[in-house]
Amino acid sequence: MTTPSLSVVMRSKNSDWVIHQALAALFSQSITDFELILLDSGSSDRTLEIVGHYPHRLLRVAPEEYVPGPVLNQGFTAARGEIVVLLNSDGVLLAPDALERLVAPFDDPAVCATVARQLPRPEADAWVRREYAVSFPEAGATPPWITLSAVTAAIRRSAWERHRFYDSAWGSEDTEWGLWAKRQGMEIRYVPEALVMHSHNYTLRQLYGRRFIEGEADAFLYAKPAGLPGTLARVAWWSLRDALACLRTGTWSDLPRIPARQVVYHWGWLRGHRHGTARRLRGNRDIRLGQQTVLSRHESVQAG
């Protein structure tokens, strides 16, 4: 394999609890010829001190200006590589050949992007483990809702130059880019052998913020109507599905948490979708409500 020129774009904010693991794994890869670009949006902990022990270029982003799509575009603009790897500061590559495996498919000129397989952290809640098992299977393809995941992915620069990350909504910038690529007939290849550890045990408050921005984004990406009856039906169906999964896997302690989690999960999405639909129909480009909704609940977590 001929290794393409590589840039690694990493976003961070107050990541000192994990970024040392992410960087140690990155700089232990079998591929060593890459540049690291760090986009930091106002870390006040030891994040920048830790990163200072590794070669990198630092781009500072004002916290109030952090919007995932434009920030990733800023990283791509600064990157010099033919292939740009997106790696969250809380994503830890799990094998020394993970990066090599992630970029290997670019030997095929038809491939415009690749997606790594995410494994949850050891302390991940039972529902998080179930979600990741479905979203990032051991083999085969990812489900339709995972078109691209900016937690750990690689994109051919020429493809990004054709379509930059969008800024219509605060979240799902990776999903939008993946949808565009697939609608263009371009290939995004899932690489389950490229393993990365990443997950969050969201509180209900944080889960609402995450789902609000996903609902807002879906109003732009799919432009499909959504209403309360359908939401209630999904709450009931997903609660039953989760309960059966708990019984099947023996995770009994999660059973009492299911109803509240499913209500928050789907209600947050519906509220976001309604807001996004109103914005889309009015041509309103103000993304501040979505930004405030997610960041006020989980300021240290970047998109993903």
C-alpha atoms as a PDB file:
ATOM      1  CA  MET A   1       0.000   0.000   0.000  1.00  0.00           C
ATOM      2  CA  THR A   2       1.179   3.511  -0.777  1.00  0.00           C
ATOM      3  CA  THR A   3       0.427   5.643   2.273  1.00  0.00           C
ATOM      4  CA  PRO A   4      -1.332   8.872   1.281  1.00  0.00           C
ATOM      5  CA  SER A   5      -0.308  12.160   2.829  1.00  0.00           C
ATOM      6  CA  LEU A   6      -2.327  12.463   6.020  1.00  0.00           C
ATOM      7  CA  SER A   7      -3.676  15.191   8.219  1.00  0.00           C
ATOM      8  CA  VAL A   8      -5.447  14.463  11.505  1.00  0.00           C
ATOM      9  CA  VAL A   9      -8.000  17.052  12.623  1.00  0.00           C
ATOM     10  CA  MET A  10      -8.934  16.866  16.296  1.00  0.00           C
ATOM     11  CA  ARG A  11     -11.489  19.000  18.144  1.00  0.00           C
ATOM     12  CA  SER A  12     -11.122  19.546  21.868  1.00  0.00           C
ATOM     13  CA  LYS A  13     -12.553  21.322  24.868  1.00  0.00           C
ATOM     14  CA  ASN A  14     -11.669  20.421  28.449  1.00  0.00           C
ATOM     15  CA  SER A  15     -10.578  16.945  27.396  1.00  0.00           C
ATOM     16  CA  ASP A  16      -7.747  16.378  29.866  1.00  0.00           C
ATOM     17  CA  TRP A  17      -9.587  13.349  31.280  1.00  0.00           C
ATOM     18  CA  VAL A  18      -9.041  11.440  28.035  1.00  0.00           C
ATOM     19  CA  ILE A  19      -6.944  13.335  25.483  1.00  0.00           C
ATOM     20  CA  HIS A  20      -3.710  11.905  26.849  1.00  0.00           C
ATOM     21  CA  GLN A  21      -5.007   8.450  25.899  1.00  0.00           C
ATOM     22  CA  ALA A  22      -6.163   9.652  22.480  1.00  0.00           C
ATOM     23  CA  LEU A  23      -2.798  11.235  21.679  1.00  0.00           C
ATOM     24  CA  ALA A  24      -0.708   8.370  23.038  1.00  0.00           C
ATOM     25  CA  ALA A  25      -2.678   5.969  20.833  1.00  0.00           C
ATOM     26  CA  LEU A  26      -2.463   8.258  17.801  1.00  0.00           C
ATOM     27  CA  PHE A  27       1.297   8.699  18.052  1.00  0.00           C
ATOM     28  CA  SER A  28       1.790   4.944  18.529  1.00  0.00           C
ATOM     29  CA  GLN A  29       0.272   4.098  15.159  1.00  0.00           C
ATOM     30  CA  SER A  30       2.077   2.124  12.461  1.00  0.00           C
ATOM     31  CA  ILE A  31       1.610   5.186  10.241  1.00  0.00           C
ATOM     32  CA  THR A  32       3.727   8.001  11.636  1.00  0.00           C
ATOM     33  CA  ASP A  33       3.863  10.431   8.709  1.00  0.00           C
ATOM     34  CA  PHE A  34       0.933  12.698   9.518  1.00  0.00           C
ATOM     35  CA  GLU A  35       0.280  16.173  10.838  1.00  0.00           C
ATOM     36  CA  LEU A  36      -1.995  16.915  13.775  1.00  0.00           C
ATOM     37  CA  ILE A  37      -4.230  19.972  13.752  1.00  0.00           C
ATOM     38  CA  LEU A  38      -5.965  20.730  17.041  1.00  0.00           C
ATOM     39  CA  LEU A  39      -9.063  22.914  17.050  1.00  0.00           C
ATOM     40  CA  ASP A  40      -9.593  23.943  20.667  1.00  0.00           C
ATOM     41  CA  SER A  41     -12.709  25.843  21.687  1.00  0.00           C
ATOM     42  CA  GLY A  42     -11.673  27.345  24.986  1.00  0.00           C
ATOM     43  CA  SER A  43     -10.198  24.627  27.178  1.00  0.00           C
ATOM     44  CA  SER A  44      -9.646  25.786  30.753  1.00  0.00           C
ATOM     45  CA  ASP A  45      -8.176  22.536  32.096  1.00  0.00           C
ATOM     46  CA  ARG A  46      -4.866  20.812  31.244  1.00  0.00           C
ATOM     47  CA  THR A  47      -5.858  19.909  27.667  1.00  0.00           C
ATOM     48  CA  LEU A  48      -3.443  22.291  25.932  1.00  0.00           C
ATOM     49  CA  GLU A  49      -0.657  21.445  28.353  1.00  0.00           C
ATOM     50  CA  ILE A  50      -1.012  17.765  27.479  1.00  0.00           C
ATOM     51  CA  VAL A  51      -1.199  18.430  23.745  1.00  0.00           C
ATOM     52  CA  GLY A  52       1.963  20.516  24.054  1.00  0.00           C
ATOM     53  CA  HIS A  53       3.974  17.320  24.485  1.00  0.00           C
ATOM     54  CA  TYR A  54       3.112  16.283  20.914  1.00  0.00           C
ATOM     55  CA  PRO A  55       3.832  17.930  17.546  1.00  0.00           C
ATOM     56  CA  HIS A  56       0.736  19.803  16.425  1.00  0.00           C
ATOM     57  CA  ARG A  57      -0.703  23.007  15.027  1.00  0.00           C
ATOM     58  CA  LEU A  58      -3.156  24.779  17.301  1.00  0.00           C
ATOM     59  CA  LEU A  59      -6.164  26.657  15.975  1.00  0.00           C
ATOM     60  CA  ARG A  60      -8.210  28.429  18.631  1.00  0.00           C
ATOM     61  CA  VAL A  61     -11.982  28.700  18.306  1.00  0.00           C
ATOM     62  CA  ALA A  62     -13.959  31.095  20.482  1.00  0.00           C
ATOM     63  CA  PRO A  63     -16.401  29.015  22.580  1.00  0.00           C
ATOM     64  CA  GLU A  64     -19.381  31.078  21.480  1.00  0.00           C
ATOM     65  CA  GLU A  65     -18.398  30.520  17.839  1.00  0.00           C
ATOM     66  CA  TYR A  66     -18.107  26.746  18.071  1.00  0.00           C
ATOM     67  CA  VAL A  67     -20.354  25.251  15.387  1.00  0.00           C
ATOM     68  CA  PRO A  68     -19.225  21.757  14.289  1.00  0.00           C
ATOM     69  CA  GLY A  69     -19.585  22.142  10.511  1.00  0.00           C
ATOM     70  CA  PRO A  70     -17.676  25.427  10.091  1.00  0.00           C
ATOM     71  CA  VAL A  71     -15.060  24.304  12.617  1.00  0.00           C
ATOM     72  CA  LEU A  72     -14.385  21.123  10.648  1.00  0.00           C
ATOM     73  CA  ASN A  73     -14.171  23.217   7.480  1.00  0.00           C
ATOM     74  CA  GLN A  74     -11.574  25.351   9.231  1.00  0.00           C
ATOM     75  CA  GLY A  75      -9.578  22.236  10.021  1.00  0.00           C
ATOM     76  CA  PHE A  76      -9.779  20.994   6.430  1.00  0.00           C
ATOM     77  CA  THR A  77      -8.672  24.389   5.139  1.00  0.00           C
ATOM     78  CA  ALA A  78      -5.600  24.302   7.376  1.00  0.00           C
ATOM     79  CA  ALA A  79      -4.801  20.651   6.619  1.00  0.00           C
ATOM     80  CA  ARG A  80      -2.178  19.808   4.022  1.00  0.00           C
ATOM     81  CA  GLY A  81      -2.949  16.129   3.615  1.00  0.00           C
ATOM     82  CA  GLU A  82      -4.574  14.440   0.656  1.00  0.00           C
ATOM     83  CA  ILE A  83      -6.557  12.405   3.177  1.00  0.00           C
ATOM     84  CA  VAL A  84      -7.961  14.129   6.259  1.00  0.00           C
ATOM     85  CA  VAL A  85      -8.700  12.008   9.316  1.00  0.00           C
ATOM     86  CA  LEU A  86     -11.264  13.264  11.807  1.00  0.00           C
ATOM     87  CA  LEU A  87     -10.535  12.063  15.329  1.00  0.00           C
ATOM     88  CA  ASN A  88     -12.338  13.385  18.386  1.00  0.00           C
ATOM     89  CA  SER A  89     -10.220  14.184  21.400  1.00  0.00           C
ATOM     90  CA  ASP A  90     -12.238  11.584  23.324  1.00  0.00           C
ATOM     91  CA  GLY A  91     -11.720   8.880  20.695  1.00  0.00           C
ATOM     92  CA  VAL A  92      -8.972   6.384  21.506  1.00  0.00           C
ATOM     93  CA  LEU A  93      -7.605   4.198  18.711  1.00  0.00           C
ATOM     94  CA  LEU A  94      -7.504   0.645  20.047  1.00  0.00           C
ATOM     95  CA  ALA A  95      -4.807  -0.956  17.910  1.00  0.00           C
ATOM     96  CA  PRO A  96      -1.519   0.292  16.432  1.00  0.00           C
ATOM     97  CA  ASP A  97      -2.782  -0.402  12.910  1.00  0.00           C
ATOM     98  CA  ALA A  98      -6.186   1.290  13.338  1.00  0.00           C
ATOM     99  CA  LEU A  99      -5.148   4.376  11.377  1.00  0.00           C
ATOM    100  CA  GLU A 100      -3.555   2.266   8.663  1.00  0.00           C
ATOM    101  CA  ARG A 101      -6.719   0.215   8.301  1.00  0.00           C
ATOM    102  CA  LEU A 102      -8.875   3.352   8.219  1.00  0.00           C
ATOM    103  CA  VAL A 103      -6.983   4.855   5.268  1.00  0.00           C
ATOM    104  CA  ALA A 104      -6.209   1.631   3.371  1.00  0.00           C
ATOM    105  CA  PRO A 105      -9.462   1.751   1.321  1.00  0.00           C
ATOM    106  CA  PHE A 106      -8.357   5.003  -0.312  1.00  0.00           C
ATOM    107  CA  ASP A 107      -6.213   2.900  -2.633  1.00  0.00           C
ATOM    108  CA  ASP A 108      -9.553   2.490  -4.411  1.00  0.00           C
ATOM    109  CA  PRO A 109     -10.266   5.814  -6.169  1.00  0.00           C
ATOM    110  CA  ALA A 110     -14.007   5.203  -5.842  1.00  0.00           C
ATOM    111  CA  VAL A 111     -13.791   5.570  -2.050  1.00  0.00           C
ATOM    112  CA  CYS A 112     -14.400   9.123  -0.853  1.00  0.00           C
ATOM    113  CA  ALA A 113     -14.530   8.435   2.884  1.00  0.00           C
ATOM    114  CA  THR A 114     -14.173   5.729   5.507  1.00  0.00           C
ATOM    115  CA  VAL A 115     -15.754   5.217   8.925  1.00  0.00           C
ATOM    116  CA  ALA A 116     -14.189   3.449  11.911  1.00  0.00           C
ATOM    117  CA  ARG A 117     -15.969   1.056  14.220  1.00  0.00           C
ATOM    118  CA  GLN A 118     -16.680   2.575  17.627  1.00  0.00           C
ATOM    119  CA  LEU A 119     -16.636   0.452  20.755  1.00  0.00           C
ATOM    120  CA  PRO A 120     -18.090   1.802  24.009  1.00  0.00           C
ATOM    121  CA  ARG A 121     -15.917   2.465  27.030  1.00  0.00           C
ATOM    122  CA  PRO A 122     -15.739  -0.218  29.736  1.00  0.00           C
ATOM    123  CA  GLU A 123     -17.910   1.903  32.034  1.00  0.00           C
ATOM    124  CA  ALA A 124     -20.619   2.434  29.377  1.00  0.00           C
ATOM    125  CA  ASP A 125     -24.200   1.993  30.511  1.00  0.00           C
ATOM    126  CA  ALA A 126     -26.098  -1.031  29.242  1.00  0.00           C
ATOM    127  CA  TRP A 127     -28.280   1.034  26.878  1.00  0.00           C
ATOM    128  CA  VAL A 128     -25.177   2.696  25.416  1.00  0.00           C
ATOM    129  CA  ARG A 129     -23.610  -0.703  24.731  1.00  0.00           C
ATOM    130  CA  ARG A 130     -26.806  -1.833  23.001  1.00  0.00           C
ATOM    131  CA  GLU A 131     -26.909   1.331  20.887  1.00  0.00           C
ATOM    132  CA  TYR A 132     -23.300   0.949  19.762  1.00  0.00           C
ATOM    133  CA  ALA A 133     -23.717  -2.726  18.919  1.00  0.00           C
ATOM    134  CA  VAL A 134     -26.433  -1.766  16.428  1.00  0.00           C
ATOM    135  CA  SER A 135     -24.815   1.412  15.096  1.00  0.00           C
ATOM    136  CA  PHE A 136     -21.325  -0.035  14.635  1.00  0.00           C
ATOM    137  CA  PRO A 137     -21.630  -3.763  13.906  1.00  0.00           C
ATOM    138  CA  GLU A 138     -18.755  -6.208  13.974  1.00  0.00           C
ATOM    139  CA  ALA A 139     -19.222  -6.920  10.260  1.00  0.00           C
ATOM    140  CA  GLY A 140     -21.305  -5.774   7.330  1.00  0.00           C
ATOM    141  CA  ALA A 141     -22.497  -2.203   6.922  1.00  0.00           C
ATOM    142  CA  THR A 142     -23.611   0.499   9.306  1.00  0.00           C
ATOM    143  CA  PRO A 143     -27.361   1.166   9.574  1.00  0.00           C
ATOM    144  CA  PRO A 144     -28.843   3.931   7.397  1.00  0.00           C
ATOM    145  CA  TRP A 145     -28.638   6.582  10.104  1.00  0.00           C
ATOM    146  CA  ILE A 146     -24.842   6.233  10.301  1.00  0.00           C
ATOM    147  CA  THR A 147     -23.753   7.728   6.992  1.00  0.00           C
ATOM    148  CA  LEU A 148     -20.540   9.153   8.457  1.00  0.00           C
ATOM    149  CA  SER A 149     -19.332   9.636  12.019  1.00  0.00           C
ATOM    150  CA  ALA A 150     -16.884  12.461  12.669  1.00  0.00           C
ATOM    151  CA  VAL A 151     -15.753  10.774  15.891  1.00  0.00           C
ATOM    152  CA  THR A 152     -13.324   8.782  13.745  1.00  0.00           C
ATOM    153  CA  ALA A 153     -13.497   8.956   9.971  1.00  0.00           C
ATOM    154  CA  ALA A 154     -11.339   9.830   6.984  1.00  0.00           C
ATOM    155  CA  ILE A 155     -12.295  11.907   3.953  1.00  0.00           C
ATOM    156  CA  ARG A 156     -10.599  12.453   0.640  1.00  0.00           C
ATOM    157  CA  ARG A 157      -9.819  16.160   0.303  1.00  0.00           C
ATOM    158  CA  SER A 158     -11.113  16.351  -3.267  1.00  0.00           C
ATOM    159  CA  ALA A 159     -14.512  15.085  -2.059  1.00  0.00           C
ATOM    160  CA  TRP A 160     -14.668  17.663   0.718  1.00  0.00           C
ATOM    161  CA  GLU A 161     -13.779  20.395  -1.772  1.00  0.00           C
ATOM    162  CA  ARG A 162     -16.901  19.431  -3.728  1.00  0.00           C
ATOM    163  CA  HIS A 163     -19.111  19.716  -0.649  1.00  0.00           C
ATOM    164  CA  ARG A 164     -18.063  21.320   2.618  1.00  0.00           C
ATOM    165  CA  PHE A 165     -19.719  20.613   5.941  1.00  0.00           C
ATOM    166  CA  TYR A 166     -23.010  22.438   6.301  1.00  0.00           C
ATOM    167  CA  ASP A 167     -23.992  25.089   8.826  1.00  0.00           C
ATOM    168  CA  SER A 168     -27.795  25.040   8.544  1.00  0.00           C
ATOM    169  CA  ALA A 169     -28.109  23.388  11.955  1.00  0.00           C
ATOM    170  CA  TRP A 170     -25.736  22.987  14.879  1.00  0.00           C
ATOM    171  CA  GLY A 171     -25.421  19.203  14.741  1.00  0.00           C
ATOM    172  CA  SER A 172     -25.306  16.193  12.408  1.00  0.00           C
ATOM    173  CA  GLU A 173     -22.770  17.817  10.112  1.00  0.00           C
ATOM    174  CA  ASP A 174     -21.219  14.399   9.488  1.00  0.00           C
ATOM    175  CA  THR A 175     -24.602  12.804   8.704  1.00  0.00           C
ATOM    176  CA  GLU A 176     -25.394  15.579   6.214  1.00  0.00           C
ATOM    177  CA  TRP A 177     -22.035  15.160   4.461  1.00  0.00           C
ATOM    178  CA  GLY A 178     -22.490  11.397   4.278  1.00  0.00           C
ATOM    179  CA  LEU A 179     -25.985  11.766   2.851  1.00  0.00           C
ATOM    180  CA  TRP A 180     -24.682  14.136   0.197  1.00  0.00           C
ATOM    181  CA  ALA A 181     -21.874  11.756  -0.780  1.00  0.00           C
ATOM    182  CA  LYS A 182     -24.178   8.751  -1.053  1.00  0.00           C
ATOM    183  CA  ARG A 183     -26.728  10.697  -3.077  1.00  0.00           C
ATOM    184  CA  GLN A 184     -23.895  11.538  -5.454  1.00  0.00           C
ATOM    185  CA  GLY A 185     -23.159   7.830  -5.877  1.00  0.00           C
ATOM    186  CA  MET A 186     -19.863   8.107  -3.979  1.00  0.00           C
ATOM    187  CA  GLU A 187     -18.646   5.284  -1.758  1.00  0.00           C
ATOM    188  CA  ILE A 188     -18.221   5.629   1.989  1.00  0.00           C
ATOM    189  CA  ARG A 189     -16.663   2.441   3.295  1.00  0.00           C
ATOM    190  CA  TYR A 190     -17.210   1.144   6.810  1.00  0.00           C
ATOM    191  CA  VAL A 191     -13.991  -0.342   8.216  1.00  0.00           C
ATOM    192  CA  PRO A 192     -14.920  -2.464  11.248  1.00  0.00           C
ATOM    193  CA  GLU A 193     -11.273  -3.496  11.697  1.00  0.00           C
ATOM    194  CA  ALA A 194     -10.372   0.143  12.485  1.00  0.00           C
ATOM    195  CA  LEU A 195     -11.340   0.195  16.150  1.00  0.00           C
ATOM    196  CA  VAL A 196     -11.778   3.260  18.328  1.00  0.00           C
ATOM    197  CA  MET A 197     -13.098   3.566  21.873  1.00  0.00           C
ATOM    198  CA  HIS A 198     -15.724   6.262  22.326  1.00  0.00           C
ATOM    199  CA  SER A 199     -18.993   6.661  24.224  1.00  0.00           C
ATOM    200  CA  HIS A 200     -20.839   8.867  26.702  1.00  0.00           C
ATOM    201  CA  ASN A 201     -23.125   7.978  29.572  1.00  0.00           C
ATOM    202  CA  TYR A 202     -25.487  10.876  28.996  1.00  0.00           C
ATOM    203  CA  THR A 203     -27.657  12.106  31.824  1.00  0.00           C
ATOM    204  CA  LEU A 204     -31.291  12.719  30.881  1.00  0.00           C
ATOM    205  CA  ARG A 205     -30.522  16.430  30.644  1.00  0.00           C
ATOM    206  CA  GLN A 206     -27.594  15.818  28.320  1.00  0.00           C
ATOM    207  CA  LEU A 207     -29.582  13.288  26.299  1.00  0.00           C
ATOM    208  CA  TYR A 208     -32.280  15.899  25.695  1.00  0.00           C
ATOM    209  CA  GLY A 209     -29.679  18.325  24.322  1.00  0.00           C
ATOM    210  CA  ARG A 210     -28.175  15.716  22.027  1.00  0.00           C
ATOM    211  CA  ARG A 211     -31.561  14.682  20.668  1.00  0.00           C
ATOM    212  CA  PHE A 212     -32.766  18.281  20.266  1.00  0.00           C
ATOM    213  CA  ILE A 213     -29.931  19.097  17.860  1.00  0.00           C
ATOM    214  CA  GLU A 214     -30.406  15.797  16.022  1.00  0.00           C
ATOM    215  CA  GLY A 215     -34.094  16.548  15.577  1.00  0.00           C
ATOM    216  CA  GLU A 216     -33.347  20.072  14.398  1.00  0.00           C
ATOM    217  CA  ALA A 217     -30.842  18.747  11.883  1.00  0.00           C
ATOM    218  CA  ASP A 218     -33.211  16.026  10.641  1.00  0.00           C
ATOM    219  CA  ALA A 219     -35.748  18.724   9.772  1.00  0.00           C
ATOM    220  CA  PHE A 220     -33.194  20.053   7.292  1.00  0.00           C
ATOM    221  CA  LEU A 221     -31.766  16.728   6.124  1.00  0.00           C
ATOM    222  CA  TYR A 222     -34.999  14.848   5.433  1.00  0.00           C
ATOM    223  CA  ALA A 223     -37.778  17.488   5.498  1.00  0.00           C
ATOM    224  CA  LYS A 224     -40.282  14.901   6.734  1.00  0.00           C
ATOM    225  CA  PRO A 225     -43.196  15.854   9.007  1.00  0.00           C
ATOM    226  CA  ALA A 226     -43.200  14.734  12.625  1.00  0.00           C
ATOM    227  CA  GLY A 227     -45.957  14.854  15.226  1.00  0.00           C
ATOM    228  CA  LEU A 228     -46.907  13.870  18.747  1.00  0.00           C
ATOM    229  CA  PRO A 229     -48.838  10.657  17.881  1.00  0.00           C
ATOM    230  CA  GLY A 230     -45.855   9.206  16.058  1.00  0.00           C
ATOM    231  CA  THR A 231     -43.561  10.242  18.883  1.00  0.00           C
ATOM    232  CA  LEU A 232     -45.738   8.513  21.478  1.00  0.00           C
ATOM    233  CA  ALA A 233     -45.818   5.382  19.346  1.00  0.00           C
ATOM    234  CA  ARG A 234     -42.024   5.390  19.117  1.00  0.00           C
ATOM    235  CA  VAL A 235     -41.713   5.855  22.886  1.00  0.00           C
ATOM    236  CA  ALA A 236     -43.905   2.780  23.424  1.00  0.00           C
ATOM    237  CA  TRP A 237     -42.192   0.648  20.779  1.00  0.00           C
ATOM    238  CA  TRP A 238     -38.635   1.579  21.769  1.00  0.00           C
ATOM    239  CA  SER A 239     -39.436   1.043  25.449  1.00  0.00           C
ATOM    240  CA  LEU A 240     -40.693  -2.458  24.675  1.00  0.00           C
ATOM    241  CA  ARG A 241     -37.683  -3.156  22.488  1.00  0.00           C
ATOM    242  CA  ASP A 242     -35.303  -1.965  25.215  1.00  0.00           C
ATOM    243  CA  ALA A 243     -37.084  -4.014  27.867  1.00  0.00           C
ATOM    244  CA  LEU A 244     -36.794  -7.164  25.770  1.00  0.00           C
ATOM    245  CA  ALA A 245     -33.105  -6.432  25.198  1.00  0.00           C
ATOM    246  CA  CYS A 246     -32.598  -6.079  28.948  1.00  0.00           C
ATOM    247  CA  LEU A 247     -34.271  -9.425  29.544  1.00  0.00           C
ATOM    248  CA  ARG A 248     -32.237 -11.048  26.797  1.00  0.00           C
ATOM    249  CA  THR A 249     -28.898  -9.696  28.059  1.00  0.00           C
ATOM    250  CA  GLY A 250     -29.603  -9.946  31.765  1.00  0.00           C
ATOM    251  CA  THR A 251     -29.185  -6.218  32.388  1.00  0.00           C
ATOM    252  CA  TRP A 252     -32.119  -6.096  34.803  1.00  0.00           C
ATOM    253  CA  SER A 253     -30.985  -2.942  36.587  1.00  0.00           C
ATOM    254  CA  ASP A 254     -31.653  -0.900  33.455  1.00  0.00           C
ATOM    255  CA  LEU A 255     -35.356  -1.806  33.271  1.00  0.00           C
ATOM    256  CA  PRO A 256     -36.648   0.941  35.625  1.00  0.00           C
ATOM    257  CA  ARG A 257     -34.750   3.631  33.687  1.00  0.00           C
ATOM    258  CA  ILE A 258     -36.222   2.803  30.297  1.00  0.00           C
ATOM    259  CA  PRO A 259     -39.488   4.800  30.336  1.00  0.00           C
ATOM    260  CA  ALA A 260     -37.947   8.131  31.394  1.00  0.00           C
ATOM    261  CA  ARG A 261     -35.038   7.714  28.979  1.00  0.00           C
ATOM    262  CA  GLN A 262     -37.285   6.960  26.023  1.00  0.00           C
ATOM    263  CA  VAL A 263     -39.593   9.896  26.789  1.00  0.00           C
ATOM    264  CA  VAL A 264     -36.630  12.290  26.951  1.00  0.00           C
ATOM    265  CA  TYR A 265     -34.996  10.705  23.892  1.00  0.00           C
ATOM    266  CA  HIS A 266     -38.019  11.147  21.635  1.00  0.00           C
ATOM    267  CA  TRP A 267     -39.431  14.319  23.166  1.00  0.00           C
ATOM    268  CA  GLY A 268     -36.070  16.084  22.730  1.00  0.00           C
ATOM    269  CA  TRP A 269     -35.972  15.009  19.094  1.00  0.00           C
ATOM    270  CA  LEU A 270     -39.535  16.183  18.464  1.00  0.00           C
ATOM    271  CA  ARG A 271     -38.908  19.591  20.041  1.00  0.00           C
ATOM    272  CA  GLY A 272     -35.761  19.996  17.979  1.00  0.00           C
ATOM    273  CA  HIS A 273     -37.500  18.855  14.813  1.00  0.00           C
ATOM    274  CA  ARG A 274     -40.318  21.341  15.299  1.00  0.00           C
ATOM    275  CA  HIS A 275     -37.818  24.136  15.825  1.00  0.00           C
ATOM    276  CA  GLY A 276     -35.801  23.063  12.780  1.00  0.00           C
ATOM    277  CA  THR A 277     -38.901  22.807  10.603  1.00  0.00           C
ATOM    278  CA  ALA A 278     -39.974  26.333  11.568  1.00  0.00           C
ATOM    279  CA  ARG A 279     -36.483  27.621  10.811  1.00  0.00           C
ATOM    280  CA  ARG A 280     -36.367  25.864   7.446  1.00  0.00           C
ATOM    281  CA  LEU A 281     -39.770  27.115   6.343  1.00  0.00           C
ATOM    282  CA  ARG A 282     -38.978  30.688   7.368  1.00  0.00           C
ATOM    283  CA  GLY A 283     -35.460  30.687   5.958  1.00  0.00           C
ATOM    284  CA  ASN A 284     -34.156  31.399   9.461  1.00  0.00           C
ATOM    285  CA  ARG A 285     -30.407  30.743   9.702  1.00  0.00           C
ATOM    286  CA  ASP A 286     -30.101  31.465  13.433  1.00  0.00           C
ATOM    287  CA  ILE A 287     -28.671  28.311  15.027  1.00  0.00           C
ATOM    288  CA  ARG A 288     -28.215  29.745  18.504  1.00  0.00           C
ATOM    289  CA  LEU A 289     -31.072  27.870  20.202  1.00  0.00           C
ATOM    290  CA  GLY A 290     -29.701  24.482  19.194  1.00  0.00           C
ATOM    291  CA  GLN A 291     -26.184  25.564  20.143  1.00  0.00           C
ATOM    292  CA  GLN A 292     -27.299  26.764  23.581  1.00  0.00           C
ATOM    293  CA  THR A 293     -29.490  23.716  24.148  1.00  0.00           C
ATOM    294  CA  VAL A 294     -26.652  21.253  23.751  1.00  0.00           C
ATOM    295  CA  LEU A 295     -23.695  23.226  25.105  1.00  0.00           C
ATOM    296  CA  SER A 296     -25.484  24.390  28.243  1.00  0.00           C
ATOM    297  CA  ARG A 297     -26.056  20.744  29.086  1.00  0.00           C
ATOM    298  CA  HIS A 298     -22.705  19.266  28.142  1.00  0.00           C
ATOM    299  CA  GLU A 299     -20.141  21.972  27.463  1.00  0.00           C
ATOM    300  CA  SER A 300     -17.118  19.681  27.331  1.00  0.00           C
ATOM    301  CA  VAL A 301     -18.546  17.365  24.647  1.00  0.00           C
ATOM    302  CA  GLN A 302     -17.942  18.241  21.019  1.00  0.00           C
ATOM    303  CA  ALA A 303     -20.212  16.931  18.292  1.00  0.00           C
ATOM    304  CA  GLY A 304     -20.484  13.194  18.092  1.00  0.00           C
END
